[in-house]
Amino acid sequence: MSEFNVDPTEMRSLARELRVHSGVLSGKQPIAQLGRDAARQKMIDSNLATKVEESLRGMDSVVRYHAKRMTEQADFLDAAATAIEQTDSASATSIARVGR
């Protein structure tokens, strides 16, 4: 039988790391903003420029989505760590009362 250990400190560490990665990921967009704008202005009525711009905008939304999900997971980990600590504390208090 495997042992199941939950460490709130490690959970919070993972949450911090996820937030760092989310911030780095968020900083990667908008993707190719200067080139995207310049191409669209210089290639008037170009389907290629339009499709490239639309594709890059789509990639921006994908990056935003994943950064948001990483932040949400970090929030979930923090909340779970707090809940575990509160449960442990309540259990310890209950055991202490019984032992009196």
C-alpha atoms as a PDB file:
ATOM      1  CA  MET A   1       0.000   0.000   0.000  1.00  0.00           C
ATOM      2  CA  SER A   2       1.352   3.414  -0.902  1.00  0.00           C
ATOM      3  CA  GLU A   3       1.690   6.214   1.566  1.00  0.00           C
ATOM      4  CA  PHE A   4      -0.116   9.469   0.836  1.00  0.00           C
ATOM      5  CA  ASN A   5       1.704  12.511   2.194  1.00  0.00           C
ATOM      6  CA  VAL A   6       0.421  16.012   1.725  1.00  0.00           C
ATOM      7  CA  ASP A   7       2.797  18.850   2.495  1.00  0.00           C
ATOM      8  CA  PRO A   8       1.176  22.314   2.544  1.00  0.00           C
ATOM      9  CA  THR A   9       4.608  23.958   2.377  1.00  0.00           C
ATOM     10  CA  GLU A  10       5.404  22.101  -0.834  1.00  0.00           C
ATOM     11  CA  MET A  11       1.959  22.931  -2.200  1.00  0.00           C
ATOM     12  CA  ARG A  12       2.552  26.635  -1.579  1.00  0.00           C
ATOM     13  CA  SER A  13       5.990  26.356  -3.168  1.00  0.00           C
ATOM     14  CA  LEU A  14       4.430  24.842  -6.276  1.00  0.00           C
ATOM     15  CA  ALA A  15       1.805  27.598  -6.301  1.00  0.00           C
ATOM     16  CA  ARG A  16       4.537  30.261  -6.205  1.00  0.00           C
ATOM     17  CA  GLU A  17       6.390  28.543  -9.021  1.00  0.00           C
ATOM     18  CA  LEU A  18       3.227  28.352 -11.107  1.00  0.00           C
ATOM     19  CA  ARG A  19       2.645  32.074 -10.601  1.00  0.00           C
ATOM     20  CA  VAL A  20       6.205  32.846 -11.718  1.00  0.00           C
ATOM     21  CA  HIS A  21       5.759  30.757 -14.859  1.00  0.00           C
ATOM     22  CA  SER A  22       2.378  32.330 -15.492  1.00  0.00           C
ATOM     23  CA  GLY A  23       3.959  35.777 -15.320  1.00  0.00           C
ATOM     24  CA  VAL A  24       6.734  34.773 -17.704  1.00  0.00           C
ATOM     25  CA  LEU A  25       4.197  33.291 -20.103  1.00  0.00           C
ATOM     26  CA  SER A  26       2.036  36.409 -19.937  1.00  0.00           C
ATOM     27  CA  GLY A  27       5.064  38.511 -20.836  1.00  0.00           C
ATOM     28  CA  LYS A  28       5.406  36.637 -24.130  1.00  0.00           C
ATOM     29  CA  GLN A  29       2.345  38.238 -25.607  1.00  0.00           C
ATOM     30  CA  PRO A  30       1.334  40.084 -27.643  1.00  0.00           C
ATOM     31  CA  ILE A  31       3.320  37.877 -30.001  1.00  0.00           C
ATOM     32  CA  ALA A  32       5.270  39.780 -32.698  1.00  0.00           C
ATOM     33  CA  GLN A  33       3.229  42.951 -32.141  1.00  0.00           C
ATOM     34  CA  LEU A  34       5.548  45.341 -34.008  1.00  0.00           C
ATOM     35  CA  GLY A  35       6.019  43.045 -36.986  1.00  0.00           C
ATOM     36  CA  ARG A  36       2.340  42.234 -37.057  1.00  0.00           C
ATOM     37  CA  ASP A  37       1.330  45.893 -37.179  1.00  0.00           C
ATOM     38  CA  ALA A  38       4.026  46.863 -39.695  1.00  0.00           C
ATOM     39  CA  ALA A  39       3.132  44.016 -42.053  1.00  0.00           C
ATOM     40  CA  ARG A  40      -0.541  44.878 -41.961  1.00  0.00           C
ATOM     41  CA  GLN A  41       0.161  48.555 -42.697  1.00  0.00           C
ATOM     42  CA  LYS A  42       2.601  47.834 -45.533  1.00  0.00           C
ATOM     43  CA  MET A  43       0.625  45.002 -47.075  1.00  0.00           C
ATOM     44  CA  ILE A  44      -2.716  46.706 -47.558  1.00  0.00           C
ATOM     45  CA  ASP A  45      -5.458  44.377 -48.817  1.00  0.00           C
ATOM     46  CA  SER A  46      -3.203  41.352 -48.374  1.00  0.00           C
ATOM     47  CA  ASN A  47      -4.952  38.152 -47.378  1.00  0.00           C
ATOM     48  CA  LEU A  48      -1.639  36.762 -46.157  1.00  0.00           C
ATOM     49  CA  ALA A  49      -1.056  39.711 -43.804  1.00  0.00           C
ATOM     50  CA  THR A  50      -4.625  39.412 -42.562  1.00  0.00           C
ATOM     51  CA  LYS A  51      -4.288  35.679 -41.884  1.00  0.00           C
ATOM     52  CA  VAL A  52      -0.926  36.129 -40.147  1.00  0.00           C
ATOM     53  CA  GLU A  53      -2.365  38.861 -37.930  1.00  0.00           C
ATOM     54  CA  GLU A  54      -5.435  36.760 -37.120  1.00  0.00           C
ATOM     55  CA  SER A  55      -3.246  33.755 -36.332  1.00  0.00           C
ATOM     56  CA  LEU A  56      -1.016  35.796 -34.028  1.00  0.00           C
ATOM     57  CA  ARG A  57      -4.054  37.253 -32.264  1.00  0.00           C
ATOM     58  CA  GLY A  58      -5.332  33.713 -31.811  1.00  0.00           C
ATOM     59  CA  MET A  59      -1.989  32.673 -30.344  1.00  0.00           C
ATOM     60  CA  ASP A  60      -2.181  35.648 -27.968  1.00  0.00           C
ATOM     61  CA  SER A  61      -5.519  34.382 -26.672  1.00  0.00           C
ATOM     62  CA  VAL A  62      -4.074  30.877 -26.213  1.00  0.00           C
ATOM     63  CA  VAL A  63      -1.154  32.294 -24.211  1.00  0.00           C
ATOM     64  CA  ARG A  64      -3.547  34.362 -22.070  1.00  0.00           C
ATOM     65  CA  TYR A  65      -5.737  31.300 -21.479  1.00  0.00           C
ATOM     66  CA  HIS A  66      -2.847  29.133 -20.313  1.00  0.00           C
ATOM     67  CA  ALA A  67      -1.380  31.853 -18.108  1.00  0.00           C
ATOM     68  CA  LYS A  68      -4.808  32.303 -16.516  1.00  0.00           C
ATOM     69  CA  ARG A  69      -5.170  28.549 -15.945  1.00  0.00           C
ATOM     70  CA  MET A  70      -1.748  28.406 -14.284  1.00  0.00           C
ATOM     71  CA  THR A  71      -2.754  31.231 -11.938  1.00  0.00           C
ATOM     72  CA  GLU A  72      -6.061  29.505 -11.164  1.00  0.00           C
ATOM     73  CA  GLN A  73      -4.244  26.284 -10.321  1.00  0.00           C
ATOM     74  CA  ALA A  74      -1.885  28.213  -8.047  1.00  0.00           C
ATOM     75  CA  ASP A  75      -4.886  29.739  -6.269  1.00  0.00           C
ATOM     76  CA  PHE A  76      -6.409  26.262  -5.900  1.00  0.00           C
ATOM     77  CA  LEU A  77      -3.170  24.899  -4.406  1.00  0.00           C
ATOM     78  CA  ASP A  78      -2.999  27.761  -1.888  1.00  0.00           C
ATOM     79  CA  ALA A  79      -6.622  27.221  -0.878  1.00  0.00           C
ATOM     80  CA  ALA A  80      -6.080  23.459  -0.540  1.00  0.00           C
ATOM     81  CA  ALA A  81      -2.961  23.984   1.578  1.00  0.00           C
ATOM     82  CA  THR A  82      -4.896  26.320   3.882  1.00  0.00           C
ATOM     83  CA  ALA A  83      -7.767  23.820   4.155  1.00  0.00           C
ATOM     84  CA  ILE A  84      -5.344  21.010   5.016  1.00  0.00           C
ATOM     85  CA  GLU A  85      -3.680  23.118   7.700  1.00  0.00           C
ATOM     86  CA  GLN A  86      -7.038  24.065   9.190  1.00  0.00           C
ATOM     87  CA  THR A  87      -8.156  20.432   9.215  1.00  0.00           C
ATOM     88  CA  ASP A  88      -4.897  19.345  10.833  1.00  0.00           C
ATOM     89  CA  SER A  89      -5.237  22.062  13.440  1.00  0.00           C
ATOM     90  CA  ALA A  90      -8.834  21.096  14.211  1.00  0.00           C
ATOM     91  CA  SER A  91      -7.842  17.435  14.493  1.00  0.00           C
ATOM     92  CA  ALA A  92      -4.961  18.279  16.816  1.00  0.00           C
ATOM     93  CA  THR A  93      -7.255  20.370  19.000  1.00  0.00           C
ATOM     94  CA  SER A  94      -9.814  17.556  19.124  1.00  0.00           C
ATOM     95  CA  ILE A  95      -7.162  15.003  20.068  1.00  0.00           C
ATOM     96  CA  ALA A  96      -5.789  17.327  22.745  1.00  0.00           C
ATOM     97  CA  ARG A  97      -9.266  17.670  24.290  1.00  0.00           C
ATOM     98  CA  VAL A  98      -9.771  13.921  24.372  1.00  0.00           C
ATOM     99  CA  GLY A  99      -6.388  13.456  26.009  1.00  0.00           C
ATOM    100  CA  ARG A 100      -7.271  15.716  28.952  1.00  0.00           C
END
